[in-house]
Protein backbone atom coordinates (compact mmCIF):
# COMPACT_ATOMS: atom_id res chain seq x y z
CA MET A 1 15.54 -86.04 -40.77
CA LYS A 2 18.83 -83.46 -41.07
CA PHE A 3 17.24 -81.12 -38.24
CA LYS A 4 16.98 -84.16 -35.81
CA GLU A 5 20.52 -85.62 -36.77
CA THR A 6 21.93 -81.76 -35.96
CA ALA A 7 19.85 -81.19 -33.11
CA LEU A 8 20.61 -84.43 -31.32
CA ASP A 9 24.21 -84.15 -32.34
CA LYS A 10 24.17 -80.52 -30.49
CA ILE A 11 22.83 -82.42 -27.27
CA LYS A 12 25.50 -84.82 -27.51
CA GLU A 13 28.05 -81.79 -27.05
CA ARG A 14 26.41 -80.38 -24.48
CA GLN A 15 25.95 -83.08 -22.07
CA ALA A 16 29.99 -84.42 -23.07
CA GLY A 17 31.40 -80.93 -22.48
CA ASP A 18 35.52 -82.01 -23.15
CA LYS A 19 34.85 -85.62 -22.38
CA THR A 20 34.91 -88.23 -24.90
CA THR A 21 31.53 -90.37 -25.25
CA ILE A 22 31.61 -93.85 -26.53
CA VAL A 23 27.41 -94.45 -27.93
CA VAL A 24 26.79 -98.48 -27.91
CA GLY A 25 23.90 -98.98 -30.37
CA MET A 26 21.26 -100.61 -28.38
CA GLY A 27 18.42 -101.49 -29.93
CA THR A 28 16.77 -104.91 -30.49
CA CYS A 29 18.93 -105.88 -33.44
CA GLY A 30 22.51 -104.75 -31.65
CA ILE A 31 21.54 -107.01 -28.31
CA THR A 32 20.93 -109.86 -30.47
CA ALA A 33 24.26 -108.93 -32.21
CA GLY A 34 26.46 -109.03 -29.32
CA ALA A 35 25.97 -105.38 -28.29
CA ARG A 36 25.69 -106.17 -24.45
CA ASP A 37 28.88 -107.75 -24.39
CA VAL A 38 30.63 -104.96 -26.18
CA MET A 39 29.42 -102.25 -23.81
CA MET A 40 30.63 -104.32 -20.75
CA ALA A 41 34.25 -104.75 -22.40
CA ILE A 42 34.38 -100.83 -23.46
CA ILE A 43 33.39 -100.02 -19.77
CA ASP A 44 35.62 -103.40 -18.22
CA GLU A 45 38.57 -101.47 -20.64
CA ILE A 46 38.01 -98.01 -19.49
CA GLU A 47 37.72 -98.77 -15.63
CA LYS A 48 40.87 -100.84 -15.69
CA ARG A 49 43.06 -98.91 -17.58
CA ASN A 50 41.58 -95.72 -15.09
CA VAL A 51 40.87 -93.66 -18.19
CA PRO A 52 39.28 -90.37 -16.43
CA ASP A 53 36.64 -88.28 -18.74
CA VAL A 54 34.90 -90.84 -20.67
CA ILE A 55 30.97 -91.01 -20.93
CA VAL A 56 29.53 -94.49 -22.11
CA THR A 57 26.45 -94.31 -22.82
CA GLN A 58 23.50 -96.03 -25.49
CA ALA A 59 21.61 -95.23 -28.30
CA GLY A 60 18.53 -97.28 -30.01
CA CYS A 61 18.38 -98.51 -33.59
CA ALA A 62 20.73 -96.46 -36.01
CA GLY A 63 19.47 -98.50 -38.83
CA MET A 64 22.02 -100.00 -39.93
CA CYS A 65 21.36 -103.58 -38.49
CA GLN A 66 23.63 -105.63 -41.13
CA TYR A 67 26.43 -103.52 -39.28
CA GLU A 68 25.66 -104.13 -35.32
CA PRO A 69 26.88 -104.32 -33.09
CA MET A 70 27.80 -100.87 -33.34
CA LEU A 71 29.33 -97.97 -31.52
CA GLU A 72 30.29 -94.43 -31.99
CA VAL A 73 33.26 -92.84 -30.48
CA ILE A 74 32.88 -88.68 -30.47
CA LYS A 75 36.17 -87.11 -29.48
CA PRO A 76 36.20 -83.04 -29.04
CA GLY A 77 38.13 -81.70 -32.05
CA THR A 78 38.16 -84.84 -33.98
CA PRO A 79 35.77 -86.49 -36.62
CA GLN A 80 33.06 -88.43 -34.86
CA VAL A 81 33.43 -92.06 -35.67
CA VAL A 82 31.02 -95.29 -35.83
CA TYR A 83 33.03 -98.38 -35.54
CA GLY A 84 31.15 -102.04 -36.60
CA HIS A 85 30.59 -105.81 -36.67
CA LEU A 86 32.59 -105.54 -32.95
CA ASP A 87 33.31 -108.14 -30.60
CA GLU A 88 34.64 -107.70 -26.75
CA GLU A 89 38.18 -108.28 -28.30
CA LYS A 90 37.41 -105.05 -30.84
CA ALA A 91 36.08 -103.36 -28.31
CA ARG A 92 39.04 -103.28 -26.32
CA ARG A 93 40.90 -102.00 -29.15
CA ILE A 94 39.00 -99.29 -29.63
CA VAL A 95 39.49 -98.11 -26.14
CA LEU A 96 42.93 -98.66 -26.21
CA GLU A 97 43.86 -97.24 -29.90
CA HIS A 98 41.49 -94.64 -30.18
CA VAL A 99 39.84 -93.57 -26.98
CA ILE A 100 43.59 -93.27 -25.52
CA ASN A 101 46.01 -92.69 -28.16
CA GLY A 102 43.72 -91.20 -30.54
CA GLN A 103 44.25 -93.45 -32.97
CA VAL A 104 41.09 -94.48 -35.73
CA ILE A 105 40.97 -98.01 -36.48
CA GLU A 106 40.42 -97.43 -40.48
CA GLU A 107 39.84 -100.90 -40.58
CA LEU A 108 37.04 -101.40 -38.45
CA ALA A 109 35.46 -97.85 -38.91
CA LEU A 110 32.16 -97.52 -41.02
CA VAL A 111 31.89 -93.76 -40.99
CA GLN A 112 33.63 -90.56 -40.05
CA ARG A 113 31.91 -87.50 -39.82
CA ALA A 114 33.34 -83.95 -38.92
């Protein structure tokens, strides 16, 4: 399993290059919990604030259904952060505070990986 995770991380890095990537969990559990609204809020906030070089994409189930909706922020040169129990307001806050200003929102973060 570790090999698969490492390989997927390398693929993400090659696709994104020096861009920030936001990955929204869009498995059945995530969608049921409100992931579509979270994803639309992120896209709207990025467009509204004219944030360049951000890729918004989706992933399937991460196996942590109790934390849905979830998303991961991958910024080059910084630890990857997984956020959970999200709604539209929290998603917009992540765009402003983490993606734009570089500040991890500790109370929403589930995991930080180097």
